[in-house]
C-alpha atoms as a PDB file:
ATOM      1  CA  UNK A   1      21.824  20.065  12.387  1.00  0.00           C
ATOM      2  CA  UNK A   2      20.059  17.700   9.719  1.00  0.00           C
ATOM      3  CA  UNK A   3      20.146  14.134   9.613  1.00  0.00           C
ATOM      4  CA  UNK A   4      20.806  11.926   6.702  1.00  0.00           C
ATOM      5  CA  UNK A   5      17.723   9.227   6.700  1.00  0.00           C
ATOM      6  CA  UNK A   6      19.219   5.973   7.312  1.00  0.00           C
ATOM      7  CA  UNK A   7      17.489   2.808   5.252  1.00  0.00           C
ATOM      8  CA  UNK A   8      16.161   0.166   7.438  1.00  0.00           C
ATOM      9  CA  UNK A   9      16.619  -3.197   5.465  1.00  0.00           C
ATOM     10  CA  UNK A  10      14.410  -6.250   6.190  1.00  0.00           C
ATOM     11  CA  UNK A  11      14.835 -10.075   4.961  1.00  0.00           C
ATOM     12  CA  UNK A  12      12.173 -11.767   6.849  1.00  0.00           C
ATOM     13  CA  UNK A  13       8.387 -12.085   6.331  1.00  0.00           C
ATOM     14  CA  UNK A  14       8.004 -10.712  10.262  1.00  0.00           C
ATOM     15  CA  UNK A  15      10.506  -7.822   9.326  1.00  0.00           C
ATOM     16  CA  UNK A  16       8.811  -6.965   6.226  1.00  0.00           C
ATOM     17  CA  UNK A  17       5.236  -6.977   7.704  1.00  0.00           C
ATOM     18  CA  UNK A  18       6.314  -4.848  10.619  1.00  0.00           C
ATOM     19  CA  UNK A  19       7.708  -2.334   8.337  1.00  0.00           C
ATOM     20  CA  UNK A  20       4.411  -2.231   6.413  1.00  0.00           C
ATOM     21  CA  UNK A  21       2.604  -1.386   9.581  1.00  0.00           C
ATOM     22  CA  UNK A  22       5.275   1.076  10.434  1.00  0.00           C
ATOM     23  CA  UNK A  23       4.684   2.945   7.215  1.00  0.00           C
ATOM     24  CA  UNK A  24       0.664   2.724   7.463  1.00  0.00           C
ATOM     25  CA  UNK A  25       1.000   4.260  11.145  1.00  0.00           C
ATOM     26  CA  UNK A  26       3.328   7.041   9.902  1.00  0.00           C
ATOM     27  CA  UNK A  27       0.959   8.284   7.095  1.00  0.00           C
ATOM     28  CA  UNK A  28      -0.959  11.088   8.001  1.00  0.00           C
ATOM     29  CA  UNK A  29      -2.595  12.144   4.542  1.00  0.00           C
ATOM     30  CA  UNK A  30      -1.380  10.059   1.805  1.00  0.00           C
ATOM     31  CA  UNK A  31      -1.175   6.406   1.753  1.00  0.00           C
ATOM     32  CA  UNK A  32       0.014   4.765  -1.583  1.00  0.00           C
ATOM     33  CA  UNK A  33       0.256   0.992  -1.642  1.00  0.00           C
ATOM     34  CA  UNK A  34       1.167  -1.267  -4.467  1.00  0.00           C
ATOM     35  CA  UNK A  35       1.684  -5.388  -4.480  1.00  0.00           C
ATOM     36  CA  UNK A  36       0.402  -7.757  -7.163  1.00  0.00           C
ATOM     37  CA  UNK A  37      -1.284  -9.857  -4.552  1.00  0.00           C
ATOM     38  CA  UNK A  38      -0.636  -8.594  -1.033  1.00  0.00           C
ATOM     39  CA  UNK A  39      -0.402 -12.169  -0.051  1.00  0.00           C
ATOM     40  CA  UNK A  40       2.957 -11.525   2.442  1.00  0.00           C
ATOM     41  CA  UNK A  41       1.025  -8.463   3.929  1.00  0.00           C
ATOM     42  CA  UNK A  42      -0.460  -8.896   7.520  1.00  0.00           C
ATOM     43  CA  UNK A  43      -3.829  -8.244   5.359  1.00  0.00           C
ATOM     44  CA  UNK A  44      -6.111  -9.872   7.939  1.00  0.00           C
ATOM     45  CA  UNK A  45      -4.602  -8.722  10.975  1.00  0.00           C
ATOM     46  CA  UNK A  46      -6.198  -6.673  13.621  1.00  0.00           C
ATOM     47  CA  UNK A  47      -3.043  -4.403  13.742  1.00  0.00           C
ATOM     48  CA  UNK A  48      -3.401  -3.421  10.022  1.00  0.00           C
ATOM     49  CA  UNK A  49      -7.233  -2.887  10.521  1.00  0.00           C
ATOM     50  CA  UNK A  50      -6.470  -0.627  13.229  1.00  0.00           C
ATOM     51  CA  UNK A  51      -3.815   1.293  11.352  1.00  0.00           C
ATOM     52  CA  UNK A  52      -5.598   1.729   8.511  1.00  0.00           C
ATOM     53  CA  UNK A  53      -8.777   2.790  10.453  1.00  0.00           C
ATOM     54  CA  UNK A  54      -6.469   5.506  12.371  1.00  0.00           C
ATOM     55  CA  UNK A  55      -5.156   6.662   8.999  1.00  0.00           C
ATOM     56  CA  UNK A  56      -8.624   7.488   7.386  1.00  0.00           C
ATOM     57  CA  UNK A  57      -9.738   9.343  10.763  1.00  0.00           C
ATOM     58  CA  UNK A  58      -6.882  11.552  10.597  1.00  0.00           C
ATOM     59  CA  UNK A  59      -8.536  14.170   8.662  1.00  0.00           C
ATOM     60  CA  UNK A  60     -11.047  15.076   5.706  1.00  0.00           C
ATOM     61  CA  UNK A  61      -8.246  15.260   3.484  1.00  0.00           C
ATOM     62  CA  UNK A  62      -6.708  11.618   3.699  1.00  0.00           C
ATOM     63  CA  UNK A  63      -6.221   9.808   0.467  1.00  0.00           C
ATOM     64  CA  UNK A  64      -5.541   5.875   0.208  1.00  0.00           C
ATOM     65  CA  UNK A  65      -4.612   4.350  -2.960  1.00  0.00           C
ATOM     66  CA  UNK A  66      -4.125   0.718  -3.567  1.00  0.00           C
ATOM     67  CA  UNK A  67      -2.908  -1.155  -6.602  1.00  0.00           C
ATOM     68  CA  UNK A  68      -3.623  -4.800  -7.048  1.00  0.00           C
ATOM     69  CA  UNK A  69      -3.029  -7.461  -9.883  1.00  0.00           C
ATOM     70  CA  UNK A  70      -6.942  -8.491 -10.073  1.00  0.00           C
ATOM     71  CA  UNK A  71      -9.810  -6.991  -8.184  1.00  0.00           C
ATOM     72  CA  UNK A  72     -11.327 -10.521  -7.433  1.00  0.00           C
ATOM     73  CA  UNK A  73      -8.368 -11.320  -5.554  1.00  0.00           C
ATOM     74  CA  UNK A  74      -9.183  -8.574  -3.094  1.00  0.00           C
ATOM     75  CA  UNK A  75     -12.897  -9.915  -2.621  1.00  0.00           C
ATOM     76  CA  UNK A  76     -11.744 -13.409  -2.252  1.00  0.00           C
ATOM     77  CA  UNK A  77      -8.746 -13.171   0.006  1.00  0.00           C
ATOM     78  CA  UNK A  78      -9.255 -10.008   2.329  1.00  0.00           C
ATOM     79  CA  UNK A  79     -12.867  -9.927   3.742  1.00  0.00           C
ATOM     80  CA  UNK A  80     -11.590  -7.167   6.275  1.00  0.00           C
ATOM     81  CA  UNK A  81     -10.168  -5.146   3.620  1.00  0.00           C
ATOM     82  CA  UNK A  82     -13.527  -5.429   1.753  1.00  0.00           C
ATOM     83  CA  UNK A  83     -15.441  -3.938   4.941  1.00  0.00           C
ATOM     84  CA  UNK A  84     -12.729  -1.148   5.134  1.00  0.00           C
ATOM     85  CA  UNK A  85     -13.086  -0.333   1.363  1.00  0.00           C
ATOM     86  CA  UNK A  86     -16.852  -0.415   1.647  1.00  0.00           C
ATOM     87  CA  UNK A  87     -16.929   1.811   4.908  1.00  0.00           C
ATOM     88  CA  UNK A  88     -14.290   4.473   3.609  1.00  0.00           C
ATOM     89  CA  UNK A  89     -14.756   4.204  -0.225  1.00  0.00           C
ATOM     90  CA  UNK A  90     -14.943   8.258   0.156  1.00  0.00           C
ATOM     91  CA  UNK A  91     -11.169   8.368   0.723  1.00  0.00           C
ATOM     92  CA  UNK A  92      -9.751   4.895  -0.240  1.00  0.00           C
ATOM     93  CA  UNK A  93      -9.625   3.288  -3.646  1.00  0.00           C
ATOM     94  CA  UNK A  94      -8.278   0.208  -4.985  1.00  0.00           C
ATOM     95  CA  UNK A  95      -7.584  -0.433  -8.723  1.00  0.00           C
ATOM     96  CA  UNK A  96      -6.408  -3.178 -10.733  1.00  0.00           C
ATOM     97  CA  UNK A  97      -3.297  -3.539 -12.763  1.00  0.00           C
ATOM     98  CA  UNK A  98      -4.193  -3.670 -16.675  1.00  0.00           C
ATOM     99  CA  UNK A  99      -2.668  -6.703 -18.423  1.00  0.00           C
ATOM    100  CA  UNK A 100       0.594  -5.150 -19.559  1.00  0.00           C
ATOM    101  CA  UNK A 101       1.768  -5.045 -16.056  1.00  0.00           C
ATOM    102  CA  UNK A 102       1.055  -8.578 -15.396  1.00  0.00           C
ATOM    103  CA  UNK A 103       4.805  -9.609 -14.578  1.00  0.00           C
ATOM    104  CA  UNK A 104       5.320  -6.777 -12.294  1.00  0.00           C
ATOM    105  CA  UNK A 105       6.332  -8.316  -9.081  1.00  0.00           C
ATOM    106  CA  UNK A 106       7.439  -5.610  -6.705  1.00  0.00           C
ATOM    107  CA  UNK A 107       6.152  -4.053  -3.368  1.00  0.00           C
ATOM    108  CA  UNK A 108       5.856  -0.211  -2.825  1.00  0.00           C
ATOM    109  CA  UNK A 109       4.430   1.814  -0.104  1.00  0.00           C
ATOM    110  CA  UNK A 110       4.640   5.795  -0.143  1.00  0.00           C
ATOM    111  CA  UNK A 111       3.537   7.669   2.711  1.00  0.00           C
ATOM    112  CA  UNK A 112       2.866  11.567   2.398  1.00  0.00           C
ATOM    113  CA  UNK A 113       5.664  11.968  -0.038  1.00  0.00           C
ATOM    114  CA  UNK A 114       8.201  11.711   2.574  1.00  0.00           C
ATOM    115  CA  UNK A 115       8.937   7.837   3.497  1.00  0.00           C
ATOM    116  CA  UNK A 116       8.841   4.690   1.533  1.00  0.00           C
ATOM    117  CA  UNK A 117       9.116   0.888   1.448  1.00  0.00           C
ATOM    118  CA  UNK A 118      10.196  -1.117  -1.283  1.00  0.00           C
ATOM    119  CA  UNK A 119      10.482  -4.501  -2.106  1.00  0.00           C
ATOM    120  CA  UNK A 120      12.088  -5.503  -5.209  1.00  0.00           C
ATOM    121  CA  UNK A 121      10.618  -8.840  -5.642  1.00  0.00           C
ATOM    122  CA  UNK A 122       7.544 -10.641  -4.308  1.00  0.00           C
ATOM    123  CA  UNK A 123       9.711 -13.817  -4.478  1.00  0.00           C
ATOM    124  CA  UNK A 124      11.716 -12.603  -1.385  1.00  0.00           C
ATOM    125  CA  UNK A 125      11.030 -10.829   1.566  1.00  0.00           C
ATOM    126  CA  UNK A 126      14.181  -8.525   1.254  1.00  0.00           C
ATOM    127  CA  UNK A 127      13.788  -4.983   0.695  1.00  0.00           C
ATOM    128  CA  UNK A 128      14.167  -1.628   2.044  1.00  0.00           C
ATOM    129  CA  UNK A 129      12.377   1.048   4.340  1.00  0.00           C
ATOM    130  CA  UNK A 130      13.314   4.510   4.044  1.00  0.00           C
ATOM    131  CA  UNK A 131      11.735   7.246   6.723  1.00  0.00           C
ATOM    132  CA  UNK A 132      11.852  10.939   5.984  1.00  0.00           C
ATOM    133  CA  UNK A 133      13.761  10.173   2.857  1.00  0.00           C
ATOM    134  CA  UNK A 134      11.952  12.877   0.421  1.00  0.00           C
ATOM    135  CA  UNK A 135      14.264  11.848  -2.836  1.00  0.00           C
ATOM    136  CA  UNK A 136      13.697   7.985  -2.348  1.00  0.00           C
ATOM    137  CA  UNK A 137       9.791   8.614  -1.859  1.00  0.00           C
ATOM    138  CA  UNK A 138       9.428  10.963  -4.389  1.00  0.00           C
ATOM    139  CA  UNK A 139      11.063   8.537  -6.972  1.00  0.00           C
ATOM    140  CA  UNK A 140       8.627   5.753  -5.564  1.00  0.00           C
ATOM    141  CA  UNK A 141       5.754   7.806  -5.660  1.00  0.00           C
ATOM    142  CA  UNK A 142       6.277   8.688  -9.291  1.00  0.00           C
ATOM    143  CA  UNK A 143       6.593   5.215 -10.372  1.00  0.00           C
ATOM    144  CA  UNK A 144       3.140   4.446  -8.279  1.00  0.00           C
ATOM    145  CA  UNK A 145       1.417   7.390  -9.765  1.00  0.00           C
ATOM    146  CA  UNK A 146       2.688   5.931 -13.301  1.00  0.00           C
ATOM    147  CA  UNK A 147       1.042   2.660 -12.335  1.00  0.00           C
ATOM    148  CA  UNK A 148      -2.212   4.540 -10.638  1.00  0.00           C
ATOM    149  CA  UNK A 149      -2.796   6.223 -13.908  1.00  0.00           C
ATOM    150  CA  UNK A 150      -2.747   3.361 -15.987  1.00  0.00           C
ATOM    151  CA  UNK A 151      -5.192   1.448 -13.918  1.00  0.00           C
ATOM    152  CA  UNK A 152      -8.921   1.929 -14.980  1.00  0.00           C
ATOM    153  CA  UNK A 153     -10.681  -1.153 -13.409  1.00  0.00           C
ATOM    154  CA  UNK A 154     -11.766   0.215  -9.950  1.00  0.00           C
ATOM    155  CA  UNK A 155     -12.687  -2.553  -6.926  1.00  0.00           C
ATOM    156  CA  UNK A 156     -16.371  -1.762  -6.257  1.00  0.00           C
ATOM    157  CA  UNK A 157     -17.148  -2.930  -2.952  1.00  0.00           C
ATOM    158  CA  UNK A 158     -20.621  -2.888  -2.926  1.00  0.00           C
ATOM    159  CA  UNK A 159     -23.076  -5.487  -2.409  1.00  0.00           C
ATOM    160  CA  UNK A 160     -24.245  -6.055  -6.091  1.00  0.00           C
ATOM    161  CA  UNK A 161     -20.574  -6.425  -6.613  1.00  0.00           C
ATOM    162  CA  UNK A 162     -19.815  -8.964  -3.854  1.00  0.00           C
END
């Protein structure tokens, strides 16, 4: 008997942050993340740092792709993330959105092309997480990859860049 994936809706910042951590913890080999600013994420939390560390240590084929509006924001606002990107730049990459996407205001996470989270607007915490919903994840993965391919400016976490 197969079960239909059920959506998990969230409306508060705490619910959003909890689902972000759940998605990162769920990822086994591929983790795709987009948010213009990552301002509402648990970015400096020890829990997110531990979840990201655990993800990259799951094997040699793991890949983390992040997209943000401006690379300067990463360096200025997220020192733990800079440290993480520096140590794991062989499996983790962060790119900046081109100017033509400056008005995008959504959040998305896709894990292993099987589960996904989407918050349609960063002006509210309302969104949905869908676990083991391959069709939903495939649609968001396609959208993410469209953004990823459009991004050419990479965040370079080197001592010269900081």
